[in-house]
Amino acid sequence: PSDDKRHWIRANVRGANGELLLVGNPIY
């Protein structure tokens, strides 16, 4: 839900043990 303010949202993927596998760029 938007609040009309500036934000950025992005995604990562972590493995089953928490290791960082994939780093995504944001949508603004």
mmCIF file of all heavy atoms, coordinates in Angstrom:
data_MODEL
# 
_entry.id   MODEL 
# 
loop_
_atom_site.group_PDB 
_atom_site.id 
_atom_site.type_symbol 
_atom_site.label_atom_id 
_atom_site.label_alt_id 
_atom_site.label_comp_id 
_atom_site.label_asym_id 
_atom_site.label_entity_id 
_atom_site.label_seq_id 
_atom_site.pdbx_PDB_ins_code 
_atom_site.Cartn_x 
_atom_site.Cartn_y 
_atom_site.Cartn_z 
_atom_site.occupancy 
_atom_site.B_iso_or_equiv 
_atom_site.pdbx_formal_charge 
_atom_site.auth_seq_id 
_atom_site.auth_comp_id 
_atom_site.auth_asym_id 
_atom_site.auth_atom_id 
_atom_site.pdbx_PDB_model_num 
ATOM 1   N N   . PRO A 1 1  ? 0.821  -1.206  0.000  1.00 0.00 ? 1  PRO A N   1 
ATOM 2   C CA  . PRO A 1 1  ? 0.000  0.000   0.000  1.00 0.00 ? 1  PRO A CA  1 
ATOM 3   C C   . PRO A 1 1  ? 0.860  1.263   0.000  1.00 0.00 ? 1  PRO A C   1 
ATOM 4   O O   . PRO A 1 1  ? 1.719  1.447   0.867  1.00 0.00 ? 1  PRO A O   1 
ATOM 5   C CB  . PRO A 1 1  ? -0.793 -0.122  1.301  1.00 0.00 ? 1  PRO A CB  1 
ATOM 6   C CG  . PRO A 1 1  ? 0.101  -0.917  2.215  1.00 0.00 ? 1  PRO A CG  1 
ATOM 7   C CD  . PRO A 1 1  ? 0.903  -1.829  1.345  1.00 0.00 ? 1  PRO A CD  1 
ATOM 8   N N   . SER A 1 2  ? 0.643  2.126   -0.965 1.00 0.00 ? 2  SER A N   1 
ATOM 9   C CA  . SER A 1 2  ? 1.426  3.362   -1.056 1.00 0.00 ? 2  SER A CA  1 
ATOM 10  C C   . SER A 1 2  ? 0.955  4.378   -0.019 1.00 0.00 ? 2  SER A C   1 
ATOM 11  O O   . SER A 1 2  ? -0.228 4.459   0.320  1.00 0.00 ? 2  SER A O   1 
ATOM 12  C CB  . SER A 1 2  ? 1.291  3.967   -2.451 1.00 0.00 ? 2  SER A CB  1 
ATOM 13  O OG  . SER A 1 2  ? 1.933  5.218   -2.517 1.00 0.00 ? 2  SER A OG  1 
ATOM 14  N N   . ASP A 1 3  ? 1.900  5.180   0.459  1.00 0.00 ? 3  ASP A N   1 
ATOM 15  C CA  . ASP A 1 3  ? 1.572  6.298   1.360  1.00 0.00 ? 3  ASP A CA  1 
ATOM 16  C C   . ASP A 1 3  ? 1.881  7.644   0.708  1.00 0.00 ? 3  ASP A C   1 
ATOM 17  O O   . ASP A 1 3  ? 1.955  8.666   1.399  1.00 0.00 ? 3  ASP A O   1 
ATOM 18  C CB  . ASP A 1 3  ? 2.338  6.163   2.679  1.00 0.00 ? 3  ASP A CB  1 
ATOM 19  C CG  . ASP A 1 3  ? 3.859  6.129   2.477  1.00 0.00 ? 3  ASP A CG  1 
ATOM 20  O OD1 . ASP A 1 3  ? 4.317  6.283   1.314  1.00 0.00 ? 3  ASP A OD1 1 
ATOM 21  O OD2 . ASP A 1 3  ? 4.593  5.947   3.464  1.00 0.00 ? 3  ASP A OD2 1 
ATOM 22  N N   . ASP A 1 4  ? 2.094  7.630   -0.622 1.00 0.00 ? 4  ASP A N   1 
ATOM 23  C CA  . ASP A 1 4  ? 2.345  8.836   -1.409 1.00 0.00 ? 4  ASP A CA  1 
ATOM 24  C C   . ASP A 1 4  ? 3.742  9.407   -1.163 1.00 0.00 ? 4  ASP A C   1 
ATOM 25  O O   . ASP A 1 4  ? 4.038  10.506  -1.621 1.00 0.00 ? 4  ASP A O   1 
ATOM 26  C CB  . ASP A 1 4  ? 1.274  9.905   -1.130 1.00 0.00 ? 4  ASP A CB  1 
ATOM 27  C CG  . ASP A 1 4  ? 1.177  10.926  -2.258 1.00 0.00 ? 4  ASP A CG  1 
ATOM 28  O OD1 . ASP A 1 4  ? 1.412  10.551  -3.421 1.00 0.00 ? 4  ASP A OD1 1 
ATOM 29  O OD2 . ASP A 1 4  ? 0.863  12.113  -1.985 1.00 0.00 ? 4  ASP A OD2 1 
ATOM 30  N N   . LYS A 1 5  ? 4.610  8.669   -0.454 1.00 0.00 ? 5  LYS A N   1 
ATOM 31  C CA  . LYS A 1 5  ? 5.965  9.149   -0.180 1.00 0.00 ? 5  LYS A CA  1 
ATOM 32  C C   . LYS A 1 5  ? 6.960  8.406   -1.072 1.00 0.00 ? 5  LYS A C   1 
ATOM 33  O O   . LYS A 1 5  ? 6.630  7.426   -1.729 1.00 0.00 ? 5  LYS A O   1 
ATOM 34  C CB  . LYS A 1 5  ? 6.309  8.945   1.302  1.00 0.00 ? 5  LYS A CB  1 
ATOM 35  C CG  . LYS A 1 5  ? 5.451  9.769   2.247  1.00 0.00 ? 5  LYS A CG  1 
ATOM 36  C CD  . LYS A 1 5  ? 5.840  9.518   3.693  1.00 0.00 ? 5  LYS A CD  1 
ATOM 37  C CE  . LYS A 1 5  ? 4.969  10.331  4.639  1.00 0.00 ? 5  LYS A CE  1 
ATOM 38  N NZ  . LYS A 1 5  ? 5.309  10.070  6.068  1.00 0.00 ? 5  LYS A NZ  1 
ATOM 39  N N   . ARG A 1 6  ? 8.195  8.906   -1.057 1.00 0.00 ? 6  ARG A N   1 
ATOM 40  C CA  . ARG A 1 6  ? 9.248  8.297   -1.848 1.00 0.00 ? 6  ARG A CA  1 
ATOM 41  C C   . ARG A 1 6  ? 9.769  7.040   -1.152 1.00 0.00 ? 6  ARG A C   1 
ATOM 42  O O   . ARG A 1 6  ? 10.063 7.052   0.051  1.00 0.00 ? 6  ARG A O   1 
ATOM 43  C CB  . ARG A 1 6  ? 10.404 9.280   -2.023 1.00 0.00 ? 6  ARG A CB  1 
ATOM 44  C CG  . ARG A 1 6  ? 11.516 8.796   -2.950 1.00 0.00 ? 6  ARG A CG  1 
ATOM 45  C CD  . ARG A 1 6  ? 12.688 9.746   -2.918 1.00 0.00 ? 6  ARG A CD  1 
ATOM 46  N NE  . ARG A 1 6  ? 13.434 9.595   -1.665 1.00 0.00 ? 6  ARG A NE  1 
ATOM 47  C CZ  . ARG A 1 6  ? 14.277 10.486  -1.179 1.00 0.00 ? 6  ARG A CZ  1 
ATOM 48  N NH1 . ARG A 1 6  ? 14.444 11.634  -1.807 1.00 0.00 ? 6  ARG A NH1 1 
ATOM 49  N NH2 . ARG A 1 6  ? 14.927 10.271  -0.054 1.00 0.00 ? 6  ARG A NH2 1 
ATOM 50  N N   . HIS A 1 7  ? 9.888  5.940   -1.910 1.00 0.00 ? 7  HIS A N   1 
ATOM 51  C CA  . HIS A 1 7  ? 10.412 4.685   -1.373 1.00 0.00 ? 7  HIS A CA  1 
ATOM 52  C C   . HIS A 1 7  ? 11.181 3.946   -2.460 1.00 0.00 ? 7  HIS A C   1 
ATOM 53  O O   . HIS A 1 7  ? 11.046 4.256   -3.648 1.00 0.00 ? 7  HIS A O   1 
ATOM 54  C CB  . HIS A 1 7  ? 9.273  3.768   -0.882 1.00 0.00 ? 7  HIS A CB  1 
ATOM 55  C CG  . HIS A 1 7  ? 8.472  4.337   0.243  1.00 0.00 ? 7  HIS A CG  1 
ATOM 56  N ND1 . HIS A 1 7  ? 8.897  4.332   1.547  1.00 0.00 ? 7  HIS A ND1 1 
ATOM 57  C CD2 . HIS A 1 7  ? 7.236  4.927   0.246  1.00 0.00 ? 7  HIS A CD2 1 
ATOM 58  C CE1 . HIS A 1 7  ? 7.981  4.891   2.320  1.00 0.00 ? 7  HIS A CE1 1 
ATOM 59  N NE2 . HIS A 1 7  ? 6.965  5.267   1.549  1.00 0.00 ? 7  HIS A NE2 1 
ATOM 60  N N   . TRP A 1 8  ? 11.961 2.995   -2.032 1.00 0.00 ? 8  TRP A N   1 
ATOM 61  C CA  . TRP A 1 8  ? 12.526 2.016   -2.971 1.00 0.00 ? 8  TRP A CA  1 
ATOM 62  C C   . TRP A 1 8  ? 12.333 0.622   -2.392 1.00 0.00 ? 8  TRP A C   1 
ATOM 63  O O   . TRP A 1 8  ? 12.415 0.418   -1.186 1.00 0.00 ? 8  TRP A O   1 
ATOM 64  C CB  . TRP A 1 8  ? 13.990 2.303   -3.302 1.00 0.00 ? 8  TRP A CB  1 
ATOM 65  C CG  . TRP A 1 8  ? 14.942 2.373   -2.129 1.00 0.00 ? 8  TRP A CG  1 
ATOM 66  C CD1 . TRP A 1 8  ? 15.300 3.473   -1.420 1.00 0.00 ? 8  TRP A CD1 1 
ATOM 67  C CD2 . TRP A 1 8  ? 15.683 1.274   -1.560 1.00 0.00 ? 8  TRP A CD2 1 
ATOM 68  N NE1 . TRP A 1 8  ? 16.200 3.161   -0.435 1.00 0.00 ? 8  TRP A NE1 1 
ATOM 69  C CE2 . TRP A 1 8  ? 16.457 1.817   -0.494 1.00 0.00 ? 8  TRP A CE2 1 
ATOM 70  C CE3 . TRP A 1 8  ? 15.767 -0.079  -1.829 1.00 0.00 ? 8  TRP A CE3 1 
ATOM 71  C CZ2 . TRP A 1 8  ? 17.306 1.019   0.281  1.00 0.00 ? 8  TRP A CZ2 1 
ATOM 72  C CZ3 . TRP A 1 8  ? 16.603 -0.871  -1.052 1.00 0.00 ? 8  TRP A CZ3 1 
ATOM 73  C CH2 . TRP A 1 8  ? 17.367 -0.310  -0.019 1.00 0.00 ? 8  TRP A CH2 1 
ATOM 74  N N   . ILE A 1 9  ? 12.039 -0.312  -3.288 1.00 0.00 ? 9  ILE A N   1 
ATOM 75  C CA  . ILE A 1 9  ? 11.764 -1.691  -2.886 1.00 0.00 ? 9  ILE A CA  1 
ATOM 76  C C   . ILE A 1 9  ? 12.571 -2.608  -3.790 1.00 0.00 ? 9  ILE A C   1 
ATOM 77  O O   . ILE A 1 9  ? 12.574 -2.448  -5.019 1.00 0.00 ? 9  ILE A O   1 
ATOM 78  C CB  . ILE A 1 9  ? 10.258 -2.013  -3.011 1.00 0.00 ? 9  ILE A CB  1 
ATOM 79  C CG1 . ILE A 1 9  ? 9.456  -1.155  -2.017 1.00 0.00 ? 9  ILE A CG1 1 
ATOM 80  C CG2 . ILE A 1 9  ? 9.994  -3.500  -2.763 1.00 0.00 ? 9  ILE A CG2 1 
ATOM 81  C CD1 . ILE A 1 9  ? 7.953  -1.332  -2.120 1.00 0.00 ? 9  ILE A CD1 1 
ATOM 82  N N   . ARG A 1 10 ? 13.264 -3.558  -3.182 1.00 0.00 ? 10 ARG A N   1 
ATOM 83  C CA  . ARG A 1 10 ? 14.052 -4.495  -3.968 1.00 0.00 ? 10 ARG A CA  1 
ATOM 84  C C   . ARG A 1 10 ? 14.000 -5.872  -3.327 1.00 0.00 ? 10 ARG A C   1 
ATOM 85  O O   . ARG A 1 10 ? 13.476 -6.045  -2.221 1.00 0.00 ? 10 ARG A O   1 
ATOM 86  C CB  . ARG A 1 10 ? 15.490 -4.012  -4.141 1.00 0.00 ? 10 ARG A CB  1 
ATOM 87  C CG  . ARG A 1 10 ? 16.331 -4.028  -2.891 1.00 0.00 ? 10 ARG A CG  1 
ATOM 88  C CD  . ARG A 1 10 ? 17.782 -3.602  -3.177 1.00 0.00 ? 10 ARG A CD  1 
ATOM 89  N NE  . ARG A 1 10 ? 18.689 -3.946  -2.078 1.00 0.00 ? 10 ARG A NE  1 
ATOM 90  C CZ  . ARG A 1 10 ? 19.266 -5.133  -1.952 1.00 0.00 ? 10 ARG A CZ  1 
ATOM 91  N NH1 . ARG A 1 10 ? 19.025 -6.093  -2.830 1.00 0.00 ? 10 ARG A NH1 1 
ATOM 92  N NH2 . ARG A 1 10 ? 20.079 -5.384  -0.944 1.00 0.00 ? 10 ARG A NH2 1 
ATOM 93  N N   . ALA A 1 11 ? 14.566 -6.853  -4.027 1.00 0.00 ? 11 ALA A N   1 
ATOM 94  C CA  . ALA A 1 11 ? 14.539 -8.237  -3.564 1.00 0.00 ? 11 ALA A CA  1 
ATOM 95  C C   . ALA A 1 11 ? 15.938 -8.831  -3.560 1.00 0.00 ? 11 ALA A C   1 
ATOM 96  O O   . ALA A 1 11 ? 16.780 -8.498  -4.406 1.00 0.00 ? 11 ALA A O   1 
ATOM 97  C CB  . ALA A 1 11 ? 13.627 -9.073  -4.455 1.00 0.00 ? 11 ALA A CB  1 
ATOM 98  N N   . ASN A 1 12 ? 16.190 -9.695  -2.594 1.00 0.00 ? 12 ASN A N   1 
ATOM 99  C CA  . ASN A 1 12 ? 17.340 -10.591 -2.577 1.00 0.00 ? 12 ASN A CA  1 
ATOM 100 C C   . ASN A 1 12 ? 16.834 -12.019 -2.588 1.00 0.00 ? 12 ASN A C   1 
ATOM 101 O O   . ASN A 1 12 ? 15.660 -12.284 -2.267 1.00 0.00 ? 12 ASN A O   1 
ATOM 102 C CB  . ASN A 1 12 ? 18.175 -10.409 -1.299 1.00 0.00 ? 12 ASN A CB  1 
ATOM 103 C CG  . ASN A 1 12 ? 18.914 -9.092  -1.240 1.00 0.00 ? 12 ASN A CG  1 
ATOM 104 O OD1 . ASN A 1 12 ? 19.313 -8.546  -2.262 1.00 0.00 ? 12 ASN A OD1 1 
ATOM 105 N ND2 . ASN A 1 12 ? 19.112 -8.582  -0.026 1.00 0.00 ? 12 ASN A ND2 1 
ATOM 106 N N   . VAL A 1 13 ? 17.708 -12.944 -2.882 1.00 0.00 ? 13 VAL A N   1 
ATOM 107 C CA  . VAL A 1 13 ? 17.443 -14.363 -2.648 1.00 0.00 ? 13 VAL A CA  1 
ATOM 108 C C   . VAL A 1 13 ? 18.551 -14.897 -1.754 1.00 0.00 ? 13 VAL A C   1 
ATOM 109 O O   . VAL A 1 13 ? 19.741 -14.702 -2.039 1.00 0.00 ? 13 VAL A O   1 
ATOM 110 C CB  . VAL A 1 13 ? 17.376 -15.167 -3.963 1.00 0.00 ? 13 VAL A CB  1 
ATOM 111 C CG1 . VAL A 1 13 ? 17.270 -16.664 -3.663 1.00 0.00 ? 13 VAL A CG1 1 
ATOM 112 C CG2 . VAL A 1 13 ? 16.193 -14.727 -4.809 1.00 0.00 ? 13 VAL A CG2 1 
ATOM 113 N N   . ARG A 1 14 ? 18.126 -15.543 -0.660 1.00 0.00 ? 14 ARG A N   1 
ATOM 114 C CA  . ARG A 1 14 ? 19.077 -16.153 0.267  1.00 0.00 ? 14 ARG A CA  1 
ATOM 115 C C   . ARG A 1 14 ? 18.904 -17.665 0.244  1.00 0.00 ? 14 ARG A C   1 
ATOM 116 O O   . ARG A 1 14 ? 17.791 -18.179 0.098  1.00 0.00 ? 14 ARG A O   1 
ATOM 117 C CB  . ARG A 1 14 ? 18.882 -15.624 1.679  1.00 0.00 ? 14 ARG A CB  1 
ATOM 118 C CG  . ARG A 1 14 ? 19.277 -14.154 1.834  1.00 0.00 ? 14 ARG A CG  1 
ATOM 119 C CD  . ARG A 1 14 ? 19.224 -13.690 3.273  1.00 0.00 ? 14 ARG A CD  1 
ATOM 120 N NE  . ARG A 1 14 ? 19.635 -12.294 3.400  1.00 0.00 ? 14 ARG A NE  1 
ATOM 121 C CZ  . ARG A 1 14 ? 20.892 -11.889 3.581  1.00 0.00 ? 14 ARG A CZ  1 
ATOM 122 N NH1 . ARG A 1 14 ? 21.858 -12.788 3.668  1.00 0.00 ? 14 ARG A NH1 1 
ATOM 123 N NH2 . ARG A 1 14 ? 21.171 -10.604 3.678  1.00 0.00 ? 14 ARG A NH2 1 
ATOM 124 N N   . GLY A 1 15 ? 20.014 -18.381 0.404  1.00 0.00 ? 15 GLY A N   1 
ATOM 125 C CA  . GLY A 1 15 ? 19.971 -19.833 0.448  1.00 0.00 ? 15 GLY A CA  1 
ATOM 126 C C   . GLY A 1 15 ? 19.343 -20.331 1.733  1.00 0.00 ? 15 GLY A C   1 
ATOM 127 O O   . GLY A 1 15 ? 19.042 -19.563 2.661  1.00 0.00 ? 15 GLY A O   1 
ATOM 128 N N   . ALA A 1 16 ? 19.177 -21.636 1.814  1.00 0.00 ? 16 ALA A N   1 
ATOM 129 C CA  . ALA A 1 16 ? 18.529 -22.232 2.974  1.00 0.00 ? 16 ALA A CA  1 
ATOM 130 C C   . ALA A 1 16 ? 19.269 -21.926 4.273  1.00 0.00 ? 16 ALA A C   1 
ATOM 131 O O   . ALA A 1 16 ? 18.662 -21.889 5.355  1.00 0.00 ? 16 ALA A O   1 
ATOM 132 C CB  . ALA A 1 16 ? 18.419 -23.748 2.772  1.00 0.00 ? 16 ALA A CB  1 
ATOM 133 N N   . ASN A 1 17 ? 20.585 -21.678 4.190  1.00 0.00 ? 17 ASN A N   1 
ATOM 134 C CA  . ASN A 1 17 ? 21.380 -21.353 5.376  1.00 0.00 ? 17 ASN A CA  1 
ATOM 135 C C   . ASN A 1 17 ? 21.594 -19.856 5.560  1.00 0.00 ? 17 ASN A C   1 
ATOM 136 O O   . ASN A 1 17 ? 22.418 -19.437 6.374  1.00 0.00 ? 17 ASN A O   1 
ATOM 137 C CB  . ASN A 1 17 ? 22.730 -22.059 5.298  1.00 0.00 ? 17 ASN A CB  1 
ATOM 138 C CG  . ASN A 1 17 ? 22.589 -23.564 5.319  1.00 0.00 ? 17 ASN A CG  1 
ATOM 139 O OD1 . ASN A 1 17 ? 21.759 -24.103 6.070  1.00 0.00 ? 17 ASN A OD1 1 
ATOM 140 N ND2 . ASN A 1 17 ? 23.370 -24.259 4.491  1.00 0.00 ? 17 ASN A ND2 1 
ATOM 141 N N   . GLY A 1 18 ? 20.880 -19.041 4.792  1.00 0.00 ? 18 GLY A N   1 
ATOM 142 C CA  . GLY A 1 18 ? 20.964 -17.594 4.942  1.00 0.00 ? 18 GLY A CA  1 
ATOM 143 C C   . GLY A 1 18 ? 21.987 -16.912 4.073  1.00 0.00 ? 18 GLY A C   1 
ATOM 144 O O   . GLY A 1 18 ? 22.092 -15.679 4.087  1.00 0.00 ? 18 GLY A O   1 
ATOM 145 N N   . GLU A 1 19 ? 22.763 -17.664 3.288  1.00 0.00 ? 19 GLU A N   1 
ATOM 146 C CA  . GLU A 1 19 ? 23.787 -17.047 2.451  1.00 0.00 ? 19 GLU A CA  1 
ATOM 147 C C   . GLU A 1 19 ? 23.129 -16.238 1.329  1.00 0.00 ? 19 GLU A C   1 
ATOM 148 O O   . GLU A 1 19 ? 22.105 -16.626 0.783  1.00 0.00 ? 19 GLU A O   1 
ATOM 149 C CB  . GLU A 1 19 ? 24.734 -18.103 1.875  1.00 0.00 ? 19 GLU A CB  1 
ATOM 150 C CG  . GLU A 1 19 ? 24.117 -19.090 0.915  1.00 0.00 ? 19 GLU A CG  1 
ATOM 151 C CD  . GLU A 1 19 ? 23.476 -20.304 1.572  1.00 0.00 ? 19 GLU A CD  1 
ATOM 152 O OE1 . GLU A 1 19 ? 23.093 -20.202 2.764  1.00 0.00 ? 19 GLU A OE1 1 
ATOM 153 O OE2 . GLU A 1 19 ? 23.339 -21.339 0.899  1.00 0.00 ? 19 GLU A OE2 1 
ATOM 154 N N   . LEU A 1 20 ? 23.729 -15.091 1.015  1.00 0.00 ? 20 LEU A N   1 
ATOM 155 C CA  . LEU A 1 20 ? 23.188 -14.193 0.009  1.00 0.00 ? 20 LEU A CA  1 
ATOM 156 C C   . LEU A 1 20 ? 23.550 -14.719 -1.376 1.00 0.00 ? 20 LEU A C   1 
ATOM 157 O O   . LEU A 1 20 ? 24.727 -14.758 -1.745 1.00 0.00 ? 20 LEU A O   1 
ATOM 158 C CB  . LEU A 1 20 ? 23.733 -12.780 0.221  1.00 0.00 ? 20 LEU A CB  1 
ATOM 159 C CG  . LEU A 1 20 ? 23.139 -11.662 -0.634 1.00 0.00 ? 20 LEU A CG  1 
ATOM 160 C CD1 . LEU A 1 20 ? 21.630 -11.571 -0.482 1.00 0.00 ? 20 LEU A CD1 1 
ATOM 161 C CD2 . LEU A 1 20 ? 23.801 -10.330 -0.273 1.00 0.00 ? 20 LEU A CD2 1 
ATOM 162 N N   . LEU A 1 21 ? 22.540 -15.109 -2.151 1.00 0.00 ? 21 LEU A N   1 
ATOM 163 C CA  . LEU A 1 21 ? 22.775 -15.693 -3.470 1.00 0.00 ? 21 LEU A CA  1 
ATOM 164 C C   . LEU A 1 21 ? 22.572 -14.697 -4.595 1.00 0.00 ? 21 LEU A C   1 
ATOM 165 O O   . LEU A 1 21 ? 23.365 -14.637 -5.527 1.00 0.00 ? 21 LEU A O   1 
ATOM 166 C CB  . LEU A 1 21 ? 21.844 -16.892 -3.684 1.00 0.00 ? 21 LEU A CB  1 
ATOM 167 C CG  . LEU A 1 21 ? 21.935 -18.038 -2.671 1.00 0.00 ? 21 LEU A CG  1 
ATOM 168 C CD1 . LEU A 1 21 ? 20.935 -19.134 -3.033 1.00 0.00 ? 21 LEU A CD1 1 
ATOM 169 C CD2 . LEU A 1 21 ? 23.343 -18.602 -2.607 1.00 0.00 ? 21 LEU A CD2 1 
ATOM 170 N N   . LEU A 1 22 ? 21.489 -13.927 -4.545 1.00 0.00 ? 22 LEU A N   1 
ATOM 171 C CA  . LEU A 1 22 ? 21.132 -13.004 -5.614 1.00 0.00 ? 22 LEU A CA  1 
ATOM 172 C C   . LEU A 1 22 ? 20.778 -11.657 -5.007 1.00 0.00 ? 22 LEU A C   1 
ATOM 173 O O   . LEU A 1 22 ? 20.068 -11.584 -3.995 1.00 0.00 ? 22 LEU A O   1 
ATOM 174 C CB  . LEU A 1 22 ? 19.945 -13.537 -6.424 1.00 0.00 ? 22 LEU A CB  1 
ATOM 175 C CG  . LEU A 1 22 ? 20.101 -14.939 -7.038 1.00 0.00 ? 22 LEU A CG  1 
ATOM 176 C CD1 . LEU A 1 22 ? 18.786 -15.396 -7.673 1.00 0.00 ? 22 LEU A CD1 1 
ATOM 177 C CD2 . LEU A 1 22 ? 21.221 -14.960 -8.080 1.00 0.00 ? 22 LEU A CD2 1 
ATOM 178 N N   . VAL A 1 23 ? 21.267 -10.585 -5.631 1.00 0.00 ? 23 VAL A N   1 
ATOM 179 C CA  . VAL A 1 23 ? 21.036 -9.215  -5.161 1.00 0.00 ? 23 VAL A CA  1 
ATOM 180 C C   . VAL A 1 23 ? 20.310 -8.466  -6.266 1.00 0.00 ? 23 VAL A C   1 
ATOM 181 O O   . VAL A 1 23 ? 20.852 -8.302  -7.373 1.00 0.00 ? 23 VAL A O   1 
ATOM 182 C CB  . VAL A 1 23 ? 22.368 -8.508  -4.826 1.00 0.00 ? 23 VAL A CB  1 
ATOM 183 C CG1 . VAL A 1 23 ? 22.112 -7.074  -4.384 1.00 0.00 ? 23 VAL A CG1 1 
ATOM 184 C CG2 . VAL A 1 23 ? 23.128 -9.282  -3.757 1.00 0.00 ? 23 VAL A CG2 1 
ATOM 185 N N   . GLY A 1 24 ? 19.095 -8.005  -5.985 1.00 0.00 ? 24 GLY A N   1 
ATOM 186 C CA  . GLY A 1 24 ? 18.318 -7.292  -6.987 1.00 0.00 ? 24 GLY A CA  1 
ATOM 187 C C   . GLY A 1 24 ? 18.417 -5.797  -6.844 1.00 0.00 ? 24 GLY A C   1 
ATOM 188 O O   . GLY A 1 24 ? 18.691 -5.266  -5.755 1.00 0.00 ? 24 GLY A O   1 
ATOM 189 N N   . ASN A 1 25 ? 18.187 -5.084  -7.939 1.00 0.00 ? 25 ASN A N   1 
ATOM 190 C CA  . ASN A 1 25 ? 18.113 -3.626  -7.911 1.00 0.00 ? 25 ASN A CA  1 
ATOM 191 C C   . ASN A 1 25 ? 16.694 -3.176  -7.596 1.00 0.00 ? 25 ASN A C   1 
ATOM 192 O O   . ASN A 1 25 ? 15.736 -3.938  -7.756 1.00 0.00 ? 25 ASN A O   1 
ATOM 193 C CB  . ASN A 1 25 ? 18.596 -3.056  -9.246 1.00 0.00 ? 25 ASN A CB  1 
ATOM 194 C CG  . ASN A 1 25 ? 20.098 -2.832  -9.254 1.00 0.00 ? 25 ASN A CG  1 
ATOM 195 O OD1 . ASN A 1 25 ? 20.579 -1.825  -8.754 1.00 0.00 ? 25 ASN A OD1 1 
ATOM 196 N ND2 . ASN A 1 25 ? 20.849 -3.801  -9.790 1.00 0.00 ? 25 ASN A ND2 1 
ATOM 197 N N   . PRO A 1 26 ? 16.528 -1.931  -7.151 1.00 0.00 ? 26 PRO A N   1 
ATOM 198 C CA  . PRO A 1 26 ? 15.217 -1.489  -6.671 1.00 0.00 ? 26 PRO A CA  1 
ATOM 199 C C   . PRO A 1 26 ? 14.250 -1.106  -7.789 1.00 0.00 ? 26 PRO A C   1 
ATOM 200 O O   . PRO A 1 26 ? 14.638 -0.779  -8.914 1.00 0.00 ? 26 PRO A O   1 
ATOM 201 C CB  . PRO A 1 26 ? 15.536 -0.237  -5.836 1.00 0.00 ? 26 PRO A CB  1 
ATOM 202 C CG  . PRO A 1 26 ? 17.006 -0.142  -5.743 1.00 0.00 ? 26 PRO A CG  1 
ATOM 203 C CD  . PRO A 1 26 ? 17.553 -0.917  -6.895 1.00 0.00 ? 26 PRO A CD  1 
ATOM 204 N N   . ILE A 1 27 ? 12.991 -1.116  -7.440 1.00 0.00 ? 27 ILE A N   1 
ATOM 205 C CA  . ILE A 1 27 ? 11.959 -0.353  -8.140 1.00 0.00 ? 27 ILE A CA  1 
ATOM 206 C C   . ILE A 1 27 ? 11.684 0.865   -7.269 1.00 0.00 ? 27 ILE A C   1 
ATOM 207 O O   . ILE A 1 27 ? 11.549 0.766   -6.045 1.00 0.00 ? 27 ILE A O   1 
ATOM 208 C CB  . ILE A 1 27 ? 10.689 -1.191  -8.355 1.00 0.00 ? 27 ILE A CB  1 
ATOM 209 C CG1 . ILE A 1 27 ? 10.981 -2.308  -9.377 1.00 0.00 ? 27 ILE A CG1 1 
ATOM 210 C CG2 . ILE A 1 27 ? 9.541  -0.315  -8.833 1.00 0.00 ? 27 ILE A CG2 1 
ATOM 211 C CD1 . ILE A 1 27 ? 9.836  -3.269  -9.580 1.00 0.00 ? 27 ILE A CD1 1 
ATOM 212 N N   . TYR A 1 28 ? 11.624 2.041   -7.899 1.00 0.00 ? 28 TYR A N   1 
ATOM 213 C CA  . TYR A 1 28 ? 11.501 3.298   -7.165 1.00 0.00 ? 28 TYR A CA  1 
ATOM 214 C C   . TYR A 1 28 ? 10.043 3.763   -7.192 1.00 0.00 ? 28 TYR A C   1 
ATOM 215 O O   . TYR A 1 28 ? 9.404  3.795   -8.241 1.00 0.00 ? 28 TYR A O   1 
ATOM 216 C CB  . TYR A 1 28 ? 12.409 4.360   -7.791 1.00 0.00 ? 28 TYR A CB  1 
ATOM 217 C CG  . TYR A 1 28 ? 13.869 3.966   -7.787 1.00 0.00 ? 28 TYR A CG  1 
ATOM 218 C CD1 . TYR A 1 28 ? 14.438 3.281   -8.862 1.00 0.00 ? 28 TYR A CD1 1 
ATOM 219 C CD2 . TYR A 1 28 ? 14.681 4.256   -6.700 1.00 0.00 ? 28 TYR A CD2 1 
ATOM 220 C CE1 . TYR A 1 28 ? 15.767 2.906   -8.862 1.00 0.00 ? 28 TYR A CE1 1 
ATOM 221 C CE2 . TYR A 1 28 ? 16.023 3.887   -6.678 1.00 0.00 ? 28 TYR A CE2 1 
ATOM 222 C CZ  . TYR A 1 28 ? 16.562 3.209   -7.761 1.00 0.00 ? 28 TYR A CZ  1 
ATOM 223 O OH  . TYR A 1 28 ? 17.887 2.836   -7.749 1.00 0.00 ? 28 TYR A OH  1 
# 
